[in-house]
Amino acid sequence: MIGNRRIPSPPQADPAVLAGFADAATAIISDNLARLPGCVGLLALHGDRPMIGTALTVRTAAGDNLTIHQALDMVRPGDVVVVDGGGDCSRALIGEIMATIAKTRGAAGFVIDGAIRDIAAIRALGLPCFARAVIHRGPYKNGPGEINVPVSIGGLTIEPGDIVVGDADGVVAFSQADAAELLDAVRRQEAREAEILESIRDGRYAGAYGKPPSAA
């Protein structure tokens, strides 16, 4: 039924492709996606550990986590559980128990457009978790919800099977089909920025518009 679908997961991203992005900053990835994609308003509530994996998407009713529980039965090692909770922060959608289930099943992390709880325990687990807020109030478990449908997370549409990357700056996602071209562009920008930083350190930097530095 539309509004309550459970769609099988698409193929996961090639581990070699994921490895290529493992040390790529979300800021540079975003720069090479025309600076448009990105989940606005989400924070790295687990700390600064980076995250990368394949999107397993969930759309759920505000404040309800029944469908997230069902999605955890489908999670594969390397999946990022991406939850569209409508941005509602009145109730936590996951806590220590669900995070522990996800980690033991090999999930790469959570991206939640909503709130979480048990933040101290989640940080101790070391499982990446990006969300809007922390609140003690627990969720309902009534549904409805859908698994592996397109979702909107902080203004970014994420499709099931997309590659999801998170770090201390935030979360970006992109299709597997775009990964090779994007990685080439990311590496070129990394090289340019490394040269700029080196020129600053050794006094060669001419400024953003090619002007010589001011005399000290």
N, C-alpha and C. Protein backbone atom coordinates (compact mmCIF):
# COMPACT_ATOMS: atom_id res chain seq x y z
N MET A 1 0.84 -1.19 0.00
CA MET A 1 0.00 0.00 0.00
C MET A 1 0.88 1.25 0.00
N ILE A 2 0.56 2.23 -0.85
CA ILE A 2 1.31 3.48 -0.87
C ILE A 2 1.18 4.16 0.49
N GLY A 3 2.30 4.59 1.02
CA GLY A 3 2.33 5.17 2.35
C GLY A 3 2.77 4.18 3.41
N ASN A 4 2.83 2.90 3.04
CA ASN A 4 3.23 1.88 4.01
C ASN A 4 4.00 0.76 3.30
N ARG A 5 4.86 1.15 2.35
CA ARG A 5 5.57 0.17 1.52
C ARG A 5 6.87 -0.30 2.18
N ARG A 6 7.24 -1.54 1.83
CA ARG A 6 8.52 -2.12 2.24
C ARG A 6 9.19 -2.62 0.96
N ILE A 7 10.08 -1.83 0.40
CA ILE A 7 10.70 -2.13 -0.89
C ILE A 7 12.09 -2.72 -0.65
N PRO A 8 12.44 -3.79 -1.34
CA PRO A 8 13.78 -4.39 -1.14
C PRO A 8 14.89 -3.37 -1.42
N SER A 9 16.00 -3.53 -0.73
CA SER A 9 17.12 -2.61 -0.89
C SER A 9 17.80 -2.79 -2.24
N PRO A 10 18.21 -1.70 -2.89
CA PRO A 10 18.99 -1.81 -4.11
C PRO A 10 20.41 -2.27 -3.80
N PRO A 11 21.21 -2.59 -4.82
CA PRO A 11 22.59 -3.02 -4.56
C PRO A 11 23.38 -1.95 -3.81
N GLN A 12 24.27 -2.40 -2.97
CA GLN A 12 25.13 -1.48 -2.24
C GLN A 12 26.23 -0.93 -3.14
N ALA A 13 26.79 0.19 -2.73
CA ALA A 13 27.90 0.79 -3.46
C ALA A 13 29.13 -0.12 -3.40
N ASP A 14 29.93 -0.08 -4.46
CA ASP A 14 31.16 -0.84 -4.55
C ASP A 14 32.09 -0.42 -3.41
N PRO A 15 32.61 -1.37 -2.63
CA PRO A 15 33.52 -1.01 -1.53
C PRO A 15 34.71 -0.17 -1.99
N ALA A 16 35.20 -0.41 -3.22
CA ALA A 16 36.32 0.38 -3.72
C ALA A 16 35.92 1.83 -3.92
N VAL A 17 34.68 2.06 -4.35
CA VAL A 17 34.19 3.43 -4.52
C VAL A 17 34.07 4.11 -3.16
N LEU A 18 33.51 3.40 -2.19
CA LEU A 18 33.39 3.96 -0.85
C LEU A 18 34.75 4.29 -0.27
N ALA A 19 35.72 3.43 -0.50
CA ALA A 19 37.07 3.67 0.00
C ALA A 19 37.65 4.95 -0.58
N GLY A 20 37.31 5.24 -1.84
CA GLY A 20 37.80 6.45 -2.47
C GLY A 20 37.30 7.71 -1.81
N PHE A 21 36.09 7.65 -1.25
CA PHE A 21 35.51 8.82 -0.59
C PHE A 21 35.74 8.83 0.93
N ALA A 22 36.39 7.81 1.45
CA ALA A 22 36.49 7.66 2.90
C ALA A 22 37.17 8.84 3.57
N ASP A 23 38.13 9.47 2.88
CA ASP A 23 38.83 10.61 3.47
C ASP A 23 38.45 11.93 2.81
N ALA A 24 37.37 11.94 2.05
CA ALA A 24 36.93 13.16 1.37
C ALA A 24 36.04 13.98 2.29
N ALA A 25 36.33 15.27 2.39
CA ALA A 25 35.53 16.15 3.24
C ALA A 25 34.18 16.45 2.60
N THR A 26 33.14 16.50 3.43
CA THR A 26 31.82 16.82 2.89
C THR A 26 31.81 18.21 2.25
N ALA A 27 32.61 19.13 2.77
CA ALA A 27 32.64 20.47 2.20
C ALA A 27 33.13 20.44 0.75
N ILE A 28 34.16 19.63 0.48
CA ILE A 28 34.70 19.55 -0.87
C ILE A 28 33.75 18.77 -1.78
N ILE A 29 33.14 17.72 -1.26
CA ILE A 29 32.14 17.01 -2.05
C ILE A 29 31.01 17.96 -2.44
N SER A 30 30.51 18.74 -1.48
CA SER A 30 29.44 19.68 -1.75
C SER A 30 29.86 20.73 -2.77
N ASP A 31 31.10 21.22 -2.66
CA ASP A 31 31.59 22.20 -3.63
C ASP A 31 31.48 21.67 -5.06
N ASN A 32 31.71 20.37 -5.23
CA ASN A 32 31.72 19.78 -6.56
C ASN A 32 30.36 19.22 -6.96
N LEU A 33 29.35 19.53 -6.17
CA LEU A 33 27.96 19.28 -6.52
C LEU A 33 27.24 20.62 -6.65
N ALA A 34 27.98 21.61 -7.16
CA ALA A 34 27.47 22.97 -7.35
C ALA A 34 27.08 23.64 -6.03
N ARG A 35 27.60 23.11 -4.92
CA ARG A 35 27.34 23.66 -3.59
C ARG A 35 25.86 23.67 -3.24
N LEU A 36 25.09 22.79 -3.87
CA LEU A 36 23.66 22.75 -3.61
C LEU A 36 23.26 21.66 -2.62
N PRO A 37 23.67 20.38 -2.83
CA PRO A 37 23.19 19.33 -1.93
C PRO A 37 23.78 19.44 -0.53
N GLY A 38 23.02 19.01 0.42
CA GLY A 38 23.48 18.96 1.80
C GLY A 38 22.29 18.97 2.73
N CYS A 39 22.40 18.24 3.83
CA CYS A 39 21.32 18.17 4.80
C CYS A 39 21.44 19.35 5.76
N VAL A 40 20.57 20.33 5.62
CA VAL A 40 20.65 21.54 6.44
C VAL A 40 20.04 21.27 7.82
N GLY A 41 20.77 21.66 8.86
CA GLY A 41 20.24 21.60 10.21
C GLY A 41 20.59 20.37 11.00
N LEU A 42 21.30 19.41 10.40
CA LEU A 42 21.69 18.21 11.12
C LEU A 42 23.07 18.38 11.75
N LEU A 43 23.27 17.78 12.91
CA LEU A 43 24.52 17.88 13.64
C LEU A 43 25.10 16.49 13.86
N ALA A 44 26.42 16.43 13.94
CA ALA A 44 27.10 15.17 14.25
C ALA A 44 27.04 14.97 15.76
N LEU A 45 25.98 14.35 16.23
CA LEU A 45 25.74 14.25 17.67
C LEU A 45 26.59 13.17 18.33
N HIS A 46 27.24 12.32 17.55
CA HIS A 46 28.08 11.26 18.09
C HIS A 46 29.51 11.73 18.36
N GLY A 47 29.88 12.88 17.83
CA GLY A 47 31.27 13.33 17.87
C GLY A 47 31.74 13.63 16.46
N ASP A 48 33.04 13.42 16.20
CA ASP A 48 33.57 13.80 14.89
C ASP A 48 33.97 12.61 14.03
N ARG A 49 33.54 11.42 14.38
CA ARG A 49 33.88 10.25 13.57
C ARG A 49 33.20 10.32 12.22
N PRO A 50 33.94 10.14 11.11
CA PRO A 50 33.31 10.21 9.78
C PRO A 50 32.43 9.00 9.49
N MET A 51 31.58 9.12 8.49
CA MET A 51 30.65 8.05 8.12
C MET A 51 30.57 7.98 6.60
N ILE A 52 30.51 6.76 6.08
CA ILE A 52 30.24 6.58 4.66
C ILE A 52 29.56 5.23 4.47
N GLY A 53 28.58 5.19 3.57
CA GLY A 53 27.87 3.94 3.32
C GLY A 53 26.78 4.14 2.29
N THR A 54 25.94 3.12 2.16
CA THR A 54 24.85 3.10 1.19
C THR A 54 23.53 3.36 1.90
N ALA A 55 22.71 4.24 1.33
CA ALA A 55 21.47 4.66 1.98
C ALA A 55 20.41 3.56 2.01
N LEU A 56 19.94 3.26 3.19
CA LEU A 56 18.71 2.49 3.43
C LEU A 56 17.72 3.50 3.97
N THR A 57 16.74 3.89 3.16
CA THR A 57 15.90 5.03 3.52
C THR A 57 14.61 4.60 4.23
N VAL A 58 14.17 5.49 5.12
CA VAL A 58 12.93 5.28 5.88
C VAL A 58 12.17 6.60 5.92
N ARG A 59 10.87 6.52 5.63
CA ARG A 59 9.99 7.66 5.87
C ARG A 59 9.01 7.25 6.95
N THR A 60 8.90 8.05 8.00
CA THR A 60 8.04 7.67 9.11
C THR A 60 7.18 8.83 9.55
N ALA A 61 6.10 8.51 10.23
CA ALA A 61 5.25 9.54 10.81
C ALA A 61 6.03 10.26 11.90
N ALA A 62 5.72 11.53 12.11
CA ALA A 62 6.41 12.32 13.12
C ALA A 62 6.33 11.64 14.49
N GLY A 63 7.47 11.50 15.13
CA GLY A 63 7.51 10.96 16.48
C GLY A 63 7.23 9.48 16.58
N ASP A 64 7.30 8.73 15.49
CA ASP A 64 6.96 7.31 15.48
C ASP A 64 8.13 6.52 14.87
N ASN A 65 8.56 5.44 15.54
CA ASN A 65 9.72 4.71 15.02
C ASN A 65 9.44 3.25 14.67
N LEU A 66 8.17 2.87 14.51
CA LEU A 66 7.85 1.50 14.14
C LEU A 66 8.58 1.09 12.86
N THR A 67 8.57 1.95 11.86
CA THR A 67 9.16 1.60 10.57
C THR A 67 10.68 1.55 10.66
N ILE A 68 11.27 2.33 11.55
CA ILE A 68 12.72 2.26 11.74
C ILE A 68 13.09 0.89 12.32
N HIS A 69 12.33 0.40 13.28
CA HIS A 69 12.56 -0.95 13.81
C HIS A 69 12.50 -1.97 12.69
N GLN A 70 11.51 -1.86 11.82
CA GLN A 70 11.38 -2.81 10.71
C GLN A 70 12.55 -2.68 9.73
N ALA A 71 13.04 -1.45 9.52
CA ALA A 71 14.18 -1.25 8.63
C ALA A 71 15.44 -1.90 9.20
N LEU A 72 15.58 -1.93 10.51
CA LEU A 72 16.76 -2.56 11.10
C LEU A 72 16.80 -4.06 10.81
N ASP A 73 15.66 -4.66 10.55
CA ASP A 73 15.64 -6.07 10.15
C ASP A 73 16.16 -6.26 8.73
N MET A 74 16.26 -5.17 7.97
CA MET A 74 16.73 -5.23 6.59
C MET A 74 18.17 -4.71 6.43
N VAL A 75 18.72 -4.15 7.49
CA VAL A 75 20.00 -3.46 7.37
C VAL A 75 21.12 -4.45 7.05
N ARG A 76 22.02 -4.03 6.16
CA ARG A 76 23.18 -4.83 5.78
C ARG A 76 24.44 -4.12 6.27
N PRO A 77 25.52 -4.87 6.48
CA PRO A 77 26.77 -4.19 6.84
C PRO A 77 27.12 -3.13 5.80
N GLY A 78 27.38 -1.92 6.27
CA GLY A 78 27.70 -0.83 5.37
C GLY A 78 26.54 0.07 5.02
N ASP A 79 25.33 -0.27 5.44
CA ASP A 79 24.17 0.59 5.18
C ASP A 79 24.14 1.78 6.15
N VAL A 80 23.74 2.93 5.65
CA VAL A 80 23.41 4.08 6.48
C VAL A 80 21.89 4.18 6.55
N VAL A 81 21.35 4.15 7.75
CA VAL A 81 19.90 4.23 7.92
C VAL A 81 19.51 5.70 7.90
N VAL A 82 18.81 6.09 6.83
CA VAL A 82 18.47 7.49 6.59
C VAL A 82 16.97 7.66 6.85
N VAL A 83 16.62 8.46 7.85
CA VAL A 83 15.24 8.53 8.33
C VAL A 83 14.65 9.92 8.11
N ASP A 84 13.60 9.98 7.33
CA ASP A 84 12.83 11.20 7.14
C ASP A 84 11.73 11.22 8.20
N GLY A 85 12.00 11.95 9.27
CA GLY A 85 11.00 12.10 10.32
C GLY A 85 10.29 13.43 10.26
N GLY A 86 10.41 14.09 9.11
CA GLY A 86 9.72 15.36 8.91
C GLY A 86 10.30 16.52 9.70
N GLY A 87 11.49 16.32 10.28
CA GLY A 87 12.11 17.38 11.06
C GLY A 87 11.51 17.56 12.44
N ASP A 88 10.57 16.72 12.82
CA ASP A 88 9.92 16.83 14.13
C ASP A 88 10.89 16.45 15.24
N CYS A 89 11.01 17.31 16.25
CA CYS A 89 11.95 17.05 17.36
C CYS A 89 11.23 16.92 18.69
N SER A 90 9.94 16.63 18.66
CA SER A 90 9.18 16.51 19.91
C SER A 90 9.38 15.17 20.58
N ARG A 91 9.86 14.16 19.80
CA ARG A 91 10.10 12.83 20.35
C ARG A 91 11.33 12.23 19.67
N ALA A 92 12.09 11.46 20.43
CA ALA A 92 13.28 10.82 19.89
C ALA A 92 12.88 9.62 19.03
N LEU A 93 13.52 9.49 17.88
CA LEU A 93 13.21 8.37 16.99
C LEU A 93 14.11 7.16 17.23
N ILE A 94 15.29 7.36 17.76
CA ILE A 94 16.13 6.23 18.17
C ILE A 94 16.80 6.57 19.49
N GLY A 95 17.30 5.50 20.13
CA GLY A 95 18.08 5.65 21.36
C GLY A 95 19.11 4.54 21.44
N GLU A 96 19.55 4.25 22.65
CA GLU A 96 20.65 3.29 22.83
C GLU A 96 20.33 1.92 22.26
N ILE A 97 19.12 1.41 22.51
CA ILE A 97 18.79 0.05 22.07
C ILE A 97 18.85 -0.07 20.55
N MET A 98 18.22 0.88 19.84
CA MET A 98 18.22 0.80 18.39
C MET A 98 19.61 1.04 17.81
N ALA A 99 20.36 1.93 18.42
CA ALA A 99 21.73 2.16 17.95
C ALA A 99 22.59 0.92 18.15
N THR A 100 22.37 0.22 19.25
CA THR A 100 23.13 -1.01 19.50
C THR A 100 22.77 -2.10 18.49
N ILE A 101 21.47 -2.22 18.19
CA ILE A 101 21.04 -3.18 17.16
C ILE A 101 21.72 -2.85 15.84
N ALA A 102 21.68 -1.58 15.46
CA ALA A 102 22.27 -1.16 14.18
C ALA A 102 23.75 -1.47 14.13
N LYS A 103 24.45 -1.18 15.21
CA LYS A 103 25.90 -1.40 15.21
C LYS A 103 26.23 -2.88 15.12
N THR A 104 25.50 -3.71 15.87
CA THR A 104 25.80 -5.15 15.84
C THR A 104 25.49 -5.76 14.48
N ARG A 105 24.63 -5.13 13.71
CA ARG A 105 24.30 -5.64 12.37
C ARG A 105 25.18 -5.01 11.28
N GLY A 106 26.13 -4.17 11.71
CA GLY A 106 27.10 -3.63 10.77
C GLY A 106 26.71 -2.34 10.09
N ALA A 107 25.66 -1.66 10.56
CA ALA A 107 25.28 -0.39 9.95
C ALA A 107 26.42 0.61 10.05
N ALA A 108 26.51 1.47 9.04
CA ALA A 108 27.57 2.49 9.02
C ALA A 108 27.17 3.73 9.81
N GLY A 109 25.87 3.88 10.10
CA GLY A 109 25.45 5.04 10.87
C GLY A 109 23.99 5.37 10.63
N PHE A 110 23.55 6.45 11.29
CA PHE A 110 22.20 6.98 11.15
C PHE A 110 22.25 8.42 10.65
N VAL A 111 21.29 8.78 9.81
CA VAL A 111 21.01 10.17 9.45
C VAL A 111 19.53 10.37 9.71
N ILE A 112 19.19 11.25 10.64
CA ILE A 112 17.81 11.35 11.11
C ILE A 112 17.33 12.79 11.06
N ASP A 113 16.29 13.03 10.25
CA ASP A 113 15.66 14.34 10.24
C ASP A 113 14.63 14.36 11.36
N GLY A 114 15.16 14.50 12.56
CA GLY A 114 14.38 14.44 13.78
C GLY A 114 15.33 14.39 14.97
N ALA A 115 14.83 13.88 16.08
CA ALA A 115 15.61 13.88 17.32
C ALA A 115 16.00 12.47 17.73
N ILE A 116 17.00 12.38 18.62
CA ILE A 116 17.43 11.12 19.21
C ILE A 116 17.50 11.29 20.73
N ARG A 117 17.72 10.18 21.44
CA ARG A 117 17.97 10.26 22.88
C ARG A 117 19.08 9.28 23.24
N ASP A 118 19.41 9.21 24.54
CA ASP A 118 20.51 8.37 25.04
C ASP A 118 21.83 8.77 24.37
N ILE A 119 22.05 10.08 24.28
CA ILE A 119 23.19 10.58 23.53
C ILE A 119 24.52 10.10 24.10
N ALA A 120 24.64 10.01 25.43
CA ALA A 120 25.90 9.57 26.02
C ALA A 120 26.21 8.14 25.62
N ALA A 121 25.18 7.28 25.63
CA ALA A 121 25.39 5.88 25.25
C ALA A 121 25.72 5.77 23.77
N ILE A 122 25.09 6.56 22.93
CA ILE A 122 25.36 6.52 21.49
C ILE A 122 26.79 6.97 21.22
N ARG A 123 27.23 8.01 21.92
CA ARG A 123 28.62 8.44 21.74
C ARG A 123 29.59 7.34 22.17
N ALA A 124 29.26 6.65 23.25
CA ALA A 124 30.13 5.56 23.72
C ALA A 124 30.17 4.41 22.72
N LEU A 125 29.08 4.18 22.00
CA LEU A 125 29.05 3.12 20.99
C LEU A 125 29.98 3.40 19.82
N GLY A 126 30.18 4.69 19.53
CA GLY A 126 31.01 5.06 18.39
C GLY A 126 30.33 4.93 17.05
N LEU A 127 28.99 4.81 17.06
CA LEU A 127 28.25 4.70 15.80
C LEU A 127 27.87 6.10 15.33
N PRO A 128 28.29 6.50 14.12
CA PRO A 128 27.94 7.83 13.65
C PRO A 128 26.42 8.05 13.64
N CYS A 129 26.02 9.21 14.14
CA CYS A 129 24.60 9.53 14.22
C CYS A 129 24.41 11.03 14.02
N PHE A 130 23.79 11.39 12.92
CA PHE A 130 23.51 12.78 12.58
C PHE A 130 22.02 13.01 12.76
N ALA A 131 21.67 14.04 13.52
CA ALA A 131 20.26 14.32 13.79
C ALA A 131 20.11 15.80 14.11
N ARG A 132 18.86 16.22 14.33
CA ARG A 132 18.59 17.63 14.59
C ARG A 132 18.72 18.01 16.06
N ALA A 133 18.37 17.08 16.96
CA ALA A 133 18.27 17.46 18.36
C ALA A 133 18.32 16.22 19.24
N VAL A 134 18.44 16.47 20.54
CA VAL A 134 18.38 15.42 21.56
C VAL A 134 17.20 15.74 22.48
N ILE A 135 16.39 14.73 22.78
CA ILE A 135 15.27 14.91 23.70
C ILE A 135 15.03 13.59 24.42
N HIS A 136 14.59 13.68 25.67
CA HIS A 136 14.36 12.47 26.46
C HIS A 136 13.05 11.76 26.09
N ARG A 137 12.10 12.46 25.49
CA ARG A 137 10.78 11.88 25.25
C ARG A 137 10.87 10.79 24.17
N GLY A 138 10.28 9.65 24.47
CA GLY A 138 10.33 8.51 23.56
C GLY A 138 9.27 8.56 22.47
N PRO A 139 9.41 7.67 21.46
CA PRO A 139 8.52 7.68 20.31
C PRO A 139 7.29 6.79 20.50
N TYR A 140 6.34 6.97 19.60
CA TYR A 140 5.24 6.03 19.45
C TYR A 140 5.67 4.93 18.48
N LYS A 141 4.91 3.85 18.42
CA LYS A 141 5.23 2.72 17.55
C LYS A 141 3.98 2.24 16.83
N ASN A 142 3.37 3.16 16.11
CA ASN A 142 2.10 2.87 15.45
C ASN A 142 2.18 2.86 13.93
N GLY A 143 3.18 3.53 13.34
CA GLY A 143 3.22 3.72 11.91
C GLY A 143 2.30 4.87 11.51
N PRO A 144 2.09 5.05 10.22
CA PRO A 144 2.64 4.27 9.11
C PRO A 144 4.07 4.70 8.80
N GLY A 145 4.61 4.12 7.73
CA GLY A 145 5.93 4.48 7.27
C GLY A 145 6.32 3.63 6.07
N GLU A 146 7.41 4.06 5.40
CA GLU A 146 7.86 3.35 4.21
C GLU A 146 9.36 3.13 4.27
N ILE A 147 9.80 2.06 3.62
CA ILE A 147 11.22 1.70 3.58
C ILE A 147 11.67 1.65 2.13
N ASN A 148 12.83 2.25 1.89
CA ASN A 148 13.45 2.30 0.55
C ASN A 148 12.60 3.02 -0.47
N VAL A 149 12.21 4.24 -0.09
CA VAL A 149 11.57 5.21 -0.98
C VAL A 149 12.41 6.48 -0.92
N PRO A 150 12.28 7.38 -1.91
CA PRO A 150 12.99 8.66 -1.81
C PRO A 150 12.55 9.43 -0.57
N VAL A 151 13.50 10.05 0.10
CA VAL A 151 13.19 10.82 1.31
C VAL A 151 13.83 12.20 1.21
N SER A 152 13.30 13.13 2.01
CA SER A 152 13.86 14.48 2.08
C SER A 152 14.42 14.68 3.48
N ILE A 153 15.72 14.99 3.54
CA ILE A 153 16.41 15.14 4.82
C ILE A 153 17.04 16.53 4.85
N GLY A 154 16.45 17.43 5.60
CA GLY A 154 17.00 18.77 5.69
C GLY A 154 17.14 19.45 4.35
N GLY A 155 16.19 19.23 3.46
CA GLY A 155 16.21 19.85 2.14
C GLY A 155 16.94 19.07 1.07
N LEU A 156 17.53 17.94 1.42
CA LEU A 156 18.25 17.11 0.45
C LEU A 156 17.44 15.85 0.16
N THR A 157 17.16 15.58 -1.10
CA THR A 157 16.50 14.33 -1.48
C THR A 157 17.54 13.22 -1.54
N ILE A 158 17.29 12.14 -0.83
CA ILE A 158 18.17 10.98 -0.82
C ILE A 158 17.38 9.78 -1.33
N GLU A 159 17.94 9.13 -2.32
CA GLU A 159 17.33 7.94 -2.90
C GLU A 159 17.92 6.69 -2.24
N PRO A 160 17.13 5.62 -2.12
CA PRO A 160 17.70 4.36 -1.64
C PRO A 160 18.86 3.95 -2.55
N GLY A 161 19.97 3.56 -1.95
CA GLY A 161 21.14 3.17 -2.72
C GLY A 161 22.14 4.28 -2.94
N ASP A 162 21.76 5.53 -2.64
CA ASP A 162 22.72 6.63 -2.76
C ASP A 162 23.91 6.42 -1.81
N ILE A 163 25.03 7.02 -2.17
CA ILE A 163 26.18 7.05 -1.28
C ILE A 163 26.01 8.22 -0.32
N VAL A 164 26.17 7.95 0.96
CA VAL A 164 25.99 8.96 2.00
C VAL A 164 27.31 9.16 2.73
N VAL A 165 27.75 10.41 2.84
CA VAL A 165 29.01 10.73 3.51
C VAL A 165 28.71 11.76 4.60
N GLY A 166 29.25 11.53 5.79
CA GLY A 166 29.07 12.47 6.88
C GLY A 166 30.38 12.72 7.61
N ASP A 167 30.56 13.95 8.08
CA ASP A 167 31.71 14.27 8.92
C ASP A 167 31.31 15.39 9.87
N ALA A 168 32.27 16.02 10.51
CA ALA A 168 31.95 17.03 11.51
C ALA A 168 31.21 18.22 10.92
N ASP A 169 31.32 18.43 9.60
CA ASP A 169 30.64 19.55 8.96
C ASP A 169 29.21 19.25 8.56
N GLY A 170 28.83 17.97 8.43
CA GLY A 170 27.47 17.65 8.03
C GLY A 170 27.39 16.42 7.15
N VAL A 171 26.33 16.34 6.35
CA VAL A 171 26.03 15.15 5.55
C VAL A 171 25.73 15.56 4.12
N VAL A 172 26.29 14.80 3.17
CA VAL A 172 25.94 14.93 1.75
C VAL A 172 25.63 13.54 1.22
N ALA A 173 24.91 13.49 0.09
CA ALA A 173 24.60 12.23 -0.55
C ALA A 173 24.56 12.44 -2.06
N PHE A 174 24.86 11.38 -2.79
CA PHE A 174 24.88 11.45 -4.25
C PHE A 174 24.68 10.05 -4.81
N SER A 175 24.30 9.99 -6.08
CA SER A 175 24.00 8.69 -6.68
C SER A 175 25.28 7.92 -6.97
N GLN A 176 25.16 6.60 -6.97
CA GLN A 176 26.31 5.77 -7.31
C GLN A 176 26.78 6.05 -8.73
N ALA A 177 25.86 6.40 -9.63
CA ALA A 177 26.21 6.66 -11.02
C ALA A 177 27.13 7.86 -11.17
N ASP A 178 27.05 8.80 -10.24
CA ASP A 178 27.86 10.01 -10.31
C ASP A 178 29.19 9.89 -9.56
N ALA A 179 29.42 8.76 -8.90
CA ALA A 179 30.53 8.67 -7.96
C ALA A 179 31.90 8.84 -8.62
N ALA A 180 32.14 8.17 -9.74
CA ALA A 180 33.46 8.21 -10.36
C ALA A 180 33.82 9.62 -10.81
N GLU A 181 32.90 10.29 -11.51
CA GLU A 181 33.15 11.65 -11.97
C GLU A 181 33.34 12.60 -10.79
N LEU A 182 32.51 12.42 -9.77
CA LEU A 182 32.61 13.28 -8.59
C LEU A 182 33.94 13.09 -7.87
N LEU A 183 34.38 11.85 -7.73
CA LEU A 183 35.64 11.61 -7.02
C LEU A 183 36.82 12.26 -7.75
N ASP A 184 36.82 12.22 -9.07
CA ASP A 184 37.87 12.90 -9.83
C ASP A 184 37.88 14.39 -9.52
N ALA A 185 36.71 15.00 -9.51
CA ALA A 185 36.62 16.43 -9.23
C ALA A 185 37.06 16.75 -7.80
N VAL A 186 36.69 15.90 -6.86
CA VAL A 186 37.10 16.09 -5.47
C VAL A 186 38.61 16.03 -5.34
N ARG A 187 39.23 15.07 -5.99
CA ARG A 187 40.69 14.94 -5.89
C ARG A 187 41.40 16.16 -6.50
N ARG A 188 40.86 16.69 -7.59
CA ARG A 188 41.47 17.89 -8.19
C ARG A 188 41.36 19.08 -7.24
N GLN A 189 40.22 19.24 -6.60
CA GLN A 189 40.08 20.36 -5.67
C GLN A 189 40.98 20.17 -4.46
N GLU A 190 41.09 18.95 -3.97
CA GLU A 190 41.99 18.70 -2.84
C GLU A 190 43.42 19.11 -3.19
N ALA A 191 43.85 18.78 -4.40
CA ALA A 191 45.21 19.14 -4.83
C ALA A 191 45.37 20.66 -4.91
N ARG A 192 44.36 21.36 -5.46
CA ARG A 192 44.43 22.81 -5.54
C ARG A 192 44.50 23.44 -4.16
N GLU A 193 43.67 22.96 -3.26
CA GLU A 193 43.66 23.53 -1.91
C GLU A 193 44.94 23.24 -1.16
N ALA A 194 45.52 22.08 -1.39
CA ALA A 194 46.81 21.76 -0.76
C ALA A 194 47.89 22.73 -1.23
N GLU A 195 47.88 23.05 -2.51
CA GLU A 195 48.85 24.00 -3.06
C GLU A 195 48.62 25.40 -2.49
N ILE A 196 47.36 25.82 -2.37
CA ILE A 196 47.07 27.13 -1.78
C ILE A 196 47.59 27.21 -0.35
N LEU A 197 47.32 26.19 0.43
CA LEU A 197 47.77 26.19 1.83
C LEU A 197 49.29 26.23 1.92
N GLU A 198 49.94 25.48 1.02
CA GLU A 198 51.40 25.49 1.02
C GLU A 198 51.94 26.88 0.64
N SER A 199 51.28 27.53 -0.32
CA SER A 199 51.74 28.86 -0.72
C SER A 199 51.53 29.89 0.39
N ILE A 200 50.49 29.70 1.20
CA ILE A 200 50.27 30.58 2.35
C ILE A 200 51.39 30.40 3.37
N ARG A 201 51.74 29.16 3.63
CA ARG A 201 52.77 28.87 4.64
C ARG A 201 54.14 29.42 4.24
N ASP A 202 54.46 29.35 2.94
CA ASP A 202 55.80 29.79 2.54
C ASP A 202 55.83 31.19 1.94
N GLY A 203 54.71 31.94 2.07
CA GLY A 203 54.70 33.34 1.68
C GLY A 203 54.48 33.61 0.21
N ARG A 204 54.08 32.63 -0.58
CA ARG A 204 53.87 32.83 -2.01
C ARG A 204 52.43 33.21 -2.35
N TYR A 205 51.52 33.09 -1.43
CA TYR A 205 50.10 33.28 -1.73
C TYR A 205 49.82 34.70 -2.19
N ALA A 206 49.17 34.85 -3.36
CA ALA A 206 48.91 36.16 -3.94
C ALA A 206 47.51 36.66 -3.66
N GLY A 207 46.77 35.96 -2.84
CA GLY A 207 45.41 36.38 -2.53
C GLY A 207 44.39 35.74 -3.45
N ALA A 208 43.14 35.79 -3.05
CA ALA A 208 42.09 35.12 -3.81
C ALA A 208 41.92 35.69 -5.21
N TYR A 209 42.32 36.96 -5.41
CA TYR A 209 42.15 37.59 -6.71
C TYR A 209 43.48 37.90 -7.39
N GLY A 210 44.54 37.16 -6.97
CA GLY A 210 45.82 37.30 -7.62
C GLY A 210 46.61 38.51 -7.20
N LYS A 211 46.20 39.22 -6.15
CA LYS A 211 46.92 40.39 -5.70
C LYS A 211 48.04 39.96 -4.73
N PRO A 212 49.15 40.66 -4.74
CA PRO A 212 50.24 40.31 -3.81
C PRO A 212 49.82 40.60 -2.38
N PRO A 213 50.38 39.85 -1.43
CA PRO A 213 50.03 40.09 -0.02
C PRO A 213 50.50 41.46 0.42
N SER A 214 49.78 42.05 1.38
CA SER A 214 50.16 43.36 1.91
C SER A 214 51.48 43.25 2.66
N ALA A 215 52.26 44.32 2.64
CA ALA A 215 53.53 44.33 3.38
C ALA A 215 53.24 44.27 4.86
N ALA A 216 54.04 43.51 5.58
CA ALA A 216 53.84 43.36 7.02
C ALA A 216 54.27 44.64 7.73
